[in-house]
Structure formats: structure tokens, C-alpha cells
Amino acid sequence: MHLTIKSDYALRTLIYLGSQSDVTSMVTIKEIATTYNLPTSQIKRIARELEVIGYLEIIDGKKGYIKLAIPPSQITLGAVIKSTESLDLLECFNHEQNQCIISPACQLKPILSEALQAFLHVLEKYTLQDLVNNKTDLHSLFLIFK
């Protein structure tokens, strides 16, 4: 499975916030974008989506502060991927757009569906906390690339 930039940026944003010494501290969207050398507009868009899901709290204003809304231990990687990715691996996964003539007899969909479930099952075992246990290393890298 190929993860999109949307998931990449969402995970990077969550990692940055989860790596703060106080995970309830507020940081600016621009700070995250600058640290990762990413477009501020993209991080802002992702932050809004993560807020709707319930992972972030956004304080609107001139600078646009954000923070984690829940502890890193409660954010599973599987849930992040499910909320940021289309899990329609092939056309036949989307009943409304399926035009494939062999769908009724095709054996590929159940195999890919099983593989997708295994992929998500592994990601559900891990949380944001697992990604930020090395806060010292992360902070060193964030400082180098700011």
C-alpha cells in the first residue's frame, strides 16, 4: 500500500506535537512547517482535519497555535491512516465507481482486502507514543533542520 502525502504530513505533525516535553504545549503551524520544510498551507489543512477527528486542538489567531487534544498513547497509527487515506485499493473497492466487468467472479478483491486488514491490524498495535519515545533524538534533529 502506498501512503499519500496527506498521511505523511499528518504523522509528521503528530510526531512533532507528541515529541514536545509537555504534550499540552501549544506550537504554531508555521513552526511545524518550517521545521520539516513543508508548505504552511498543507500543514494548516492537515491540522484542520486532525482537529475534526479529535486529535488536535487549534487556537485560531494571527499565528495559528495547535496542540494535541488527547494523549499520544490514545492515537493509534491505524486510526490515523484510516482517517487520512482512501482505503479503496482498486476500483472494485468502491461500489459506486466500480466499472470492472469481472468483479462478480474476481478473486483479487478478497485477497487484497485481507492484506489491507493485516496492514491496518499491525498499525493498530502502535500509537503516537511509540513514535515519540526517543524525544531527545527527535529534538536534536528538529534543531538541526530548523
C-alpha atoms as a PDB file:
ATOM      1  CA  MET A   1       0.000   0.000   0.000  1.00  0.00           C
ATOM      2  CA  HIS A   2       1.236   3.462  -0.850  1.00  0.00           C
ATOM      3  CA  LEU A   3       0.585   6.153   1.745  1.00  0.00           C
ATOM      4  CA  THR A   4      -0.075   9.634   0.437  1.00  0.00           C
ATOM      5  CA  ILE A   5       1.469  12.956   1.399  1.00  0.00           C
ATOM      6  CA  LYS A   6      -1.649  13.575   3.466  1.00  0.00           C
ATOM      7  CA  SER A   7      -0.794  10.711   5.832  1.00  0.00           C
ATOM      8  CA  ASP A   8       2.881  11.637   5.789  1.00  0.00           C
ATOM      9  CA  TYR A   9       2.176  15.231   6.833  1.00  0.00           C
ATOM     10  CA  ALA A  10      -0.420  14.143   9.390  1.00  0.00           C
ATOM     11  CA  LEU A  11       2.029  11.739  11.016  1.00  0.00           C
ATOM     12  CA  ARG A  12       4.849  14.294  10.974  1.00  0.00           C
ATOM     13  CA  THR A  13       2.584  16.898  12.576  1.00  0.00           C
ATOM     14  CA  LEU A  14       1.515  14.457  15.284  1.00  0.00           C
ATOM     15  CA  ILE A  15       5.115  13.360  15.888  1.00  0.00           C
ATOM     16  CA  TYR A  16       6.232  16.966  16.285  1.00  0.00           C
ATOM     17  CA  LEU A  17       3.465  17.705  18.777  1.00  0.00           C
ATOM     18  CA  GLY A  18       3.888  14.412  20.606  1.00  0.00           C
ATOM     19  CA  SER A  19       7.626  14.957  20.967  1.00  0.00           C
ATOM     20  CA  GLN A  20       7.227  18.191  22.924  1.00  0.00           C
ATOM     21  CA  SER A  21       8.385  17.920  26.537  1.00  0.00           C
ATOM     22  CA  ASP A  22       4.883  18.992  27.552  1.00  0.00           C
ATOM     23  CA  VAL A  23       2.472  17.469  25.045  1.00  0.00           C
ATOM     24  CA  THR A  24      -0.159  20.023  26.040  1.00  0.00           C
ATOM     25  CA  SER A  25       2.074  22.914  24.984  1.00  0.00           C
ATOM     26  CA  MET A  26       0.984  24.984  22.013  1.00  0.00           C
ATOM     27  CA  VAL A  27       3.126  25.377  18.905  1.00  0.00           C
ATOM     28  CA  THR A  28       2.474  27.273  15.714  1.00  0.00           C
ATOM     29  CA  ILE A  29       1.607  25.650  12.440  1.00  0.00           C
ATOM     30  CA  LYS A  30       4.399  27.705  10.890  1.00  0.00           C
ATOM     31  CA  GLU A  31       6.913  26.216  13.369  1.00  0.00           C
ATOM     32  CA  ILE A  32       5.997  22.699  12.274  1.00  0.00           C
ATOM     33  CA  ALA A  33       6.072  23.625   8.587  1.00  0.00           C
ATOM     34  CA  THR A  34       9.431  25.387   8.954  1.00  0.00           C
ATOM     35  CA  THR A  35      10.964  22.512  10.905  1.00  0.00           C
ATOM     36  CA  TYR A  36      10.007  19.976   8.237  1.00  0.00           C
ATOM     37  CA  ASN A  37      10.478  22.419   5.332  1.00  0.00           C
ATOM     38  CA  LEU A  38       6.873  21.895   4.237  1.00  0.00           C
ATOM     39  CA  PRO A  39       4.239  24.321   2.949  1.00  0.00           C
ATOM     40  CA  THR A  40       2.433  26.039   5.825  1.00  0.00           C
ATOM     41  CA  SER A  41      -0.839  25.794   3.903  1.00  0.00           C
ATOM     42  CA  GLN A  42      -0.553  21.995   3.770  1.00  0.00           C
ATOM     43  CA  ILE A  43       0.130  21.695   7.496  1.00  0.00           C
ATOM     44  CA  LYS A  44      -2.771  24.040   8.203  1.00  0.00           C
ATOM     45  CA  ARG A  45      -5.107  21.892   6.090  1.00  0.00           C
ATOM     46  CA  ILE A  46      -3.940  18.695   7.772  1.00  0.00           C
ATOM     47  CA  ALA A  47      -4.249  20.306  11.211  1.00  0.00           C
ATOM     48  CA  ARG A  48      -7.884  21.182  10.487  1.00  0.00           C
ATOM     49  CA  GLU A  49      -8.613  17.586   9.507  1.00  0.00           C
ATOM     50  CA  LEU A  50      -6.859  16.260  12.606  1.00  0.00           C
ATOM     51  CA  GLU A  51      -8.920  18.681  14.689  1.00  0.00           C
ATOM     52  CA  VAL A  52     -12.182  17.367  13.208  1.00  0.00           C
ATOM     53  CA  ILE A  53     -11.102  13.815  14.050  1.00  0.00           C
ATOM     54  CA  GLY A  54     -10.375  14.927  17.613  1.00  0.00           C
ATOM     55  CA  TYR A  55      -6.591  14.594  17.694  1.00  0.00           C
ATOM     56  CA  LEU A  56      -5.712  18.300  17.722  1.00  0.00           C
ATOM     57  CA  GLU A  57      -6.963  21.488  19.236  1.00  0.00           C
ATOM     58  CA  ILE A  58      -6.493  24.630  17.160  1.00  0.00           C
ATOM     59  CA  ILE A  59      -6.408  28.101  18.628  1.00  0.00           C
ATOM     60  CA  ASP A  60      -7.149  30.396  15.716  1.00  0.00           C
ATOM     61  CA  GLY A  61      -5.471  33.720  15.601  1.00  0.00           C
ATOM     62  CA  LYS A  62      -2.637  35.504  13.940  1.00  0.00           C
ATOM     63  CA  LYS A  63      -0.166  32.658  14.424  1.00  0.00           C
ATOM     64  CA  GLY A  64      -2.466  29.608  14.491  1.00  0.00           C
ATOM     65  CA  TYR A  65      -1.436  27.615  17.544  1.00  0.00           C
ATOM     66  CA  ILE A  66      -2.107  23.888  17.785  1.00  0.00           C
ATOM     67  CA  LYS A  67      -1.666  21.172  20.389  1.00  0.00           C
ATOM     68  CA  LEU A  68      -2.630  17.566  20.914  1.00  0.00           C
ATOM     69  CA  ALA A  69      -6.211  17.199  22.133  1.00  0.00           C
ATOM     70  CA  ILE A  70      -5.621  13.717  23.541  1.00  0.00           C
ATOM     71  CA  PRO A  71      -2.566  11.899  24.906  1.00  0.00           C
ATOM     72  CA  PRO A  72      -0.172  10.333  22.365  1.00  0.00           C
ATOM     73  CA  SER A  73      -0.927   6.913  23.842  1.00  0.00           C
ATOM     74  CA  GLN A  74      -4.534   7.205  22.629  1.00  0.00           C
ATOM     75  CA  ILE A  75      -3.720   7.916  18.978  1.00  0.00           C
ATOM     76  CA  THR A  76      -3.165   4.692  17.069  1.00  0.00           C
ATOM     77  CA  LEU A  77      -1.304   4.712  13.787  1.00  0.00           C
ATOM     78  CA  GLY A  78      -4.060   2.624  12.259  1.00  0.00           C
ATOM     79  CA  ALA A  79      -6.669   5.218  13.162  1.00  0.00           C
ATOM     80  CA  VAL A  80      -4.558   7.996  11.652  1.00  0.00           C
ATOM     81  CA  ILE A  81      -4.133   6.078   8.404  1.00  0.00           C
ATOM     82  CA  LYS A  82      -7.829   5.174   8.242  1.00  0.00           C
ATOM     83  CA  SER A  83      -8.755   8.820   8.667  1.00  0.00           C
ATOM     84  CA  THR A  84      -6.275  10.205   6.136  1.00  0.00           C
ATOM     85  CA  GLU A  85      -6.271   7.588   3.379  1.00  0.00           C
ATOM     86  CA  SER A  86      -8.765   6.217   0.929  1.00  0.00           C
ATOM     87  CA  LEU A  87      -8.672   2.508   1.537  1.00  0.00           C
ATOM     88  CA  ASP A  88     -10.082   1.748  -1.904  1.00  0.00           C
ATOM     89  CA  LEU A  89      -7.063  -0.135  -3.215  1.00  0.00           C
ATOM     90  CA  LEU A  90      -8.709  -0.826  -6.551  1.00  0.00           C
ATOM     91  CA  GLU A  91     -11.770   0.406  -8.379  1.00  0.00           C
ATOM     92  CA  CYS A  92     -13.774  -2.606  -7.162  1.00  0.00           C
ATOM     93  CA  PHE A  93     -13.343  -1.499  -3.533  1.00  0.00           C
ATOM     94  CA  ASN A  94     -15.636   1.441  -4.295  1.00  0.00           C
ATOM     95  CA  HIS A  95     -19.091   0.089  -5.144  1.00  0.00           C
ATOM     96  CA  GLU A  96     -20.282   3.416  -6.602  1.00  0.00           C
ATOM     97  CA  GLN A  97     -17.392   3.737  -9.068  1.00  0.00           C
ATOM     98  CA  ASN A  98     -16.787   0.084  -9.881  1.00  0.00           C
ATOM     99  CA  GLN A  99     -16.877  -0.453 -13.652  1.00  0.00           C
ATOM    100  CA  CYS A 100     -14.882  -3.692 -13.729  1.00  0.00           C
ATOM    101  CA  ILE A 101     -16.772  -6.377 -15.630  1.00  0.00           C
ATOM    102  CA  ILE A 102     -15.132  -9.292 -13.801  1.00  0.00           C
ATOM    103  CA  SER A 103     -15.979  -8.052 -10.296  1.00  0.00           C
ATOM    104  CA  PRO A 104     -18.642 -10.716  -9.663  1.00  0.00           C
ATOM    105  CA  ALA A 105     -16.111 -13.513 -10.294  1.00  0.00           C
ATOM    106  CA  CYS A 106     -12.847 -11.828  -9.344  1.00  0.00           C
ATOM    107  CA  GLN A 107     -10.783 -13.363  -6.561  1.00  0.00           C
ATOM    108  CA  LEU A 108      -8.334 -10.454  -6.291  1.00  0.00           C
ATOM    109  CA  LYS A 109     -10.527  -8.214  -4.136  1.00  0.00           C
ATOM    110  CA  PRO A 110     -10.821 -10.621  -1.162  1.00  0.00           C
ATOM    111  CA  ILE A 111      -7.069 -11.240  -1.206  1.00  0.00           C
ATOM    112  CA  LEU A 112      -6.245  -7.527  -1.251  1.00  0.00           C
ATOM    113  CA  SER A 113      -8.896  -6.895   1.380  1.00  0.00           C
ATOM    114  CA  GLU A 114      -7.246  -9.478   3.637  1.00  0.00           C
ATOM    115  CA  ALA A 115      -3.830  -7.885   3.048  1.00  0.00           C
ATOM    116  CA  LEU A 116      -5.221  -4.425   3.834  1.00  0.00           C
ATOM    117  CA  GLN A 117      -6.765  -5.679   7.071  1.00  0.00           C
ATOM    118  CA  ALA A 118      -3.432  -7.246   8.087  1.00  0.00           C
ATOM    119  CA  PHE A 119      -1.653  -3.950   7.335  1.00  0.00           C
ATOM    120  CA  LEU A 120      -4.139  -1.975   9.440  1.00  0.00           C
ATOM    121  CA  HIS A 121      -4.037  -4.585  12.209  1.00  0.00           C
ATOM    122  CA  VAL A 122      -0.288  -4.065  12.613  1.00  0.00           C
ATOM    123  CA  LEU A 123      -0.690  -0.270  12.648  1.00  0.00           C
ATOM    124  CA  GLU A 124      -3.404  -0.540  15.315  1.00  0.00           C
ATOM    125  CA  LYS A 125      -0.815  -2.089  17.672  1.00  0.00           C
ATOM    126  CA  TYR A 126       1.210   1.118  17.715  1.00  0.00           C
ATOM    127  CA  THR A 127       0.442   4.590  18.983  1.00  0.00           C
ATOM    128  CA  LEU A 128       1.899   8.030  18.596  1.00  0.00           C
ATOM    129  CA  GLN A 129       3.590   7.416  21.944  1.00  0.00           C
ATOM    130  CA  ASP A 130       5.625   4.628  20.340  1.00  0.00           C
ATOM    131  CA  LEU A 131       6.872   7.110  17.736  1.00  0.00           C
ATOM    132  CA  VAL A 132       7.996   9.730  20.250  1.00  0.00           C
ATOM    133  CA  ASN A 133       9.719   7.637  22.906  1.00  0.00           C
ATOM    134  CA  ASN A 134      13.025   8.985  21.552  1.00  0.00           C
ATOM    135  CA  LYS A 135      12.216  12.650  22.254  1.00  0.00           C
ATOM    136  CA  THR A 136      15.855  13.635  22.789  1.00  0.00           C
ATOM    137  CA  ASP A 137      16.868  12.317  19.374  1.00  0.00           C
ATOM    138  CA  LEU A 138      13.875  13.944  17.713  1.00  0.00           C
ATOM    139  CA  HIS A 139      14.567  17.307  19.358  1.00  0.00           C
ATOM    140  CA  SER A 140      18.198  17.195  18.236  1.00  0.00           C
ATOM    141  CA  LEU A 141      17.098  16.620  14.651  1.00  0.00           C
ATOM    142  CA  PHE A 142      14.411  19.293  14.830  1.00  0.00           C
ATOM    143  CA  LEU A 143      17.031  21.814  15.980  1.00  0.00           C
ATOM    144  CA  ILE A 144      19.444  20.888  13.199  1.00  0.00           C
ATOM    145  CA  PHE A 145      16.865  21.351  10.467  1.00  0.00           C
ATOM    146  CA  LYS A 146      15.121  24.491  11.730  1.00  0.00           C
END
